[in-house]
Amino acid sequence: MVSRILRIAIGEALGVNITLNGKTVPVYHKVPDGAAKPFIEIIDQSETYGKANKDSKEYNGIVPIAVRTSHIGGGGGDIDVDLIAEQIEPIIETIEITGHTIIDNYLSGSIPLNKDFGREYQNAKVLNFQFNIIKN
């Protein structure tokens, strides 16, 4: 399944290349309980196949990637989210998948998600990446 292969490729590429303040930012497909922020989460994917046929060689889908941070007392988290998010798009543009040709991939939009939990303020941004892939 292309979506699984794509998610693995994204996770591997981001997992070794994204940093904040000199530290690697972890990447998760499923966030473990108690995971320390900041982290990146490859949330899921929506997909369609060419001509509505799962046996088609064409795959179109959106992979949402969330960047999550938190700070005590509020402030600062939105900057960290942006610093991490800015590193993701150039890496996504270089993704390759063996046996497939990525015709197009681009950031189709982002959604900020911020919450105040008293002393802790959590910042997040969900980046939606659109992919068009053909199986070789």
Protein backbone atom coordinates (compact mmCIF):
# COMPACT_ATOMS: atom_id res chain seq x y z
CA MET A 1 0.00 0.00 0.00
CA VAL A 2 1.47 3.32 -1.09
CA SER A 3 0.22 5.26 1.93
CA ARG A 4 2.12 3.03 4.38
CA ILE A 5 5.32 3.19 2.33
CA LEU A 6 4.94 6.97 2.05
CA ARG A 7 4.45 7.43 5.80
CA ILE A 8 7.53 5.34 6.53
CA ALA A 9 9.61 7.36 4.04
CA ILE A 10 8.41 10.64 5.57
CA GLY A 11 9.15 9.44 9.10
CA GLU A 12 12.66 8.32 8.19
CA ALA A 13 13.47 11.57 6.36
CA LEU A 14 12.15 13.84 9.11
CA GLY A 15 13.51 11.76 11.98
CA VAL A 16 17.15 12.47 11.20
CA ASN A 17 16.88 16.00 9.84
CA ILE A 18 14.65 18.13 12.08
CA THR A 19 16.25 19.95 15.01
CA LEU A 20 15.39 22.62 17.53
CA ASN A 21 18.09 24.33 19.61
CA GLY A 22 20.63 21.73 18.49
CA LYS A 23 18.51 18.70 19.49
CA THR A 24 16.81 16.27 17.12
CA VAL A 25 13.01 16.53 17.25
CA PRO A 26 11.44 13.04 17.52
CA VAL A 27 8.96 11.89 14.88
CA TYR A 28 6.09 9.55 15.74
CA HIS A 29 3.43 7.68 13.81
CA LYS A 30 1.76 6.96 17.15
CA VAL A 31 2.74 9.25 20.00
CA PRO A 32 3.69 7.30 23.12
CA ASP A 33 2.01 8.20 26.41
CA GLY A 34 3.94 10.93 28.19
CA ALA A 35 6.05 11.88 25.15
CA ALA A 36 7.97 15.08 25.84
CA LYS A 37 7.36 18.02 23.55
CA PRO A 38 8.47 19.17 21.06
CA PHE A 39 7.71 16.35 18.66
CA ILE A 40 6.37 15.75 15.17
CA GLU A 41 3.43 13.43 14.56
CA ILE A 42 2.56 11.92 11.20
CA ILE A 43 -1.13 11.83 11.94
CA ASP A 44 -2.73 9.78 9.18
CA GLN A 45 -3.44 10.06 5.50
CA SER A 46 -6.42 10.41 3.26
CA GLU A 47 -6.09 8.80 -0.11
CA THR A 48 -7.74 8.29 -3.44
CA TYR A 49 -6.69 6.11 -6.32
CA GLY A 50 -6.79 6.93 -10.00
CA LYS A 51 -10.14 6.07 -11.52
CA ALA A 52 -11.41 5.06 -8.03
CA ASN A 53 -9.61 1.73 -8.33
CA LYS A 54 -7.28 0.43 -5.62
CA ASP A 55 -5.41 -1.57 -8.29
CA SER A 56 -4.62 1.64 -10.15
CA LYS A 57 -1.02 2.73 -10.41
CA GLU A 58 -1.95 6.31 -9.47
CA TYR A 59 -2.18 7.47 -5.84
CA ASN A 60 -3.34 10.86 -4.62
CA GLY A 61 -3.41 11.63 -0.94
CA ILE A 62 -2.94 14.11 1.86
CA VAL A 63 -0.57 13.39 4.74
CA PRO A 64 -1.15 15.66 7.75
CA ILE A 65 1.94 16.26 9.88
CA ALA A 66 1.54 17.92 13.30
CA VAL A 67 4.27 19.86 15.06
CA ARG A 68 3.63 20.07 18.82
CA THR A 69 5.37 22.12 21.51
CA SER A 70 4.54 23.36 25.01
CA HIS A 71 5.80 26.01 27.39
CA ILE A 72 5.20 26.81 31.01
CA GLY A 73 3.65 30.23 31.48
CA GLY A 74 2.76 30.66 27.82
CA GLY A 75 4.70 32.38 25.06
CA GLY A 76 7.52 31.07 22.92
CA GLY A 77 5.84 27.90 21.72
CA ASP A 78 4.53 29.43 18.52
CA ILE A 79 8.07 30.43 17.52
CA ASP A 80 9.33 26.89 18.16
CA VAL A 81 6.46 25.45 16.13
CA ASP A 82 7.35 27.72 13.21
CA LEU A 83 11.09 26.94 13.48
CA ILE A 84 10.34 23.22 13.27
CA ALA A 85 7.62 23.54 10.59
CA GLU A 86 9.89 25.58 8.32
CA GLN A 87 12.33 22.65 8.18
CA ILE A 88 9.71 20.11 7.10
CA GLU A 89 8.65 21.35 3.64
CA PRO A 90 12.14 21.26 2.03
CA ILE A 91 12.62 17.70 3.30
CA ILE A 92 9.19 16.58 2.03
CA GLU A 93 10.13 17.94 -1.41
CA THR A 94 13.08 15.50 -1.57
CA ILE A 95 11.19 12.31 -0.53
CA GLU A 96 11.71 9.33 -2.81
CA ILE A 97 10.01 5.94 -2.72
CA THR A 98 11.54 2.87 -4.36
CA GLY A 99 9.31 1.54 -7.12
CA HIS A 100 7.27 4.74 -7.31
CA THR A 101 7.57 8.12 -8.96
CA ILE A 102 6.38 11.12 -7.00
CA ILE A 103 4.88 13.36 -9.66
CA ASP A 104 4.01 16.17 -7.29
CA ASN A 105 4.06 16.96 -3.59
CA TYR A 106 3.39 20.26 -1.92
CA LEU A 107 2.12 21.92 1.24
CA SER A 108 -1.60 22.42 0.63
CA GLY A 109 -2.30 24.27 3.87
CA SER A 110 -1.70 24.51 7.60
CA ILE A 111 -3.89 24.86 10.68
CA PRO A 112 -2.67 26.34 13.99
CA LEU A 113 -3.95 24.63 17.14
CA ASN A 114 -3.10 26.31 20.44
CA LYS A 115 -4.49 25.51 23.92
CA ASP A 116 -4.01 27.02 27.34
CA PHE A 117 -3.92 24.49 30.19
CA GLY A 118 -3.33 26.88 33.09
CA ARG A 119 0.42 26.92 33.62
CA GLU A 120 1.17 25.03 30.40
CA TYR A 121 0.46 26.49 26.99
CA GLN A 122 0.49 24.00 24.10
CA ASN A 123 1.18 25.08 20.54
CA ALA A 124 0.64 22.98 17.45
CA LYS A 125 0.45 23.39 13.72
CA VAL A 126 -0.91 20.77 11.34
CA LEU A 127 0.74 20.84 7.92
CA ASN A 128 -1.19 19.12 5.12
CA PHE A 129 1.00 17.72 2.35
CA GLN A 130 -0.60 16.67 -0.94
CA PHE A 131 1.01 13.82 -2.88
CA ASN A 132 0.50 12.52 -6.42
CA ILE A 133 2.37 9.24 -6.92
CA ILE A 134 2.56 6.69 -9.76
CA LYS A 135 3.69 3.11 -9.21
CA ASN A 136 6.47 2.17 -11.64
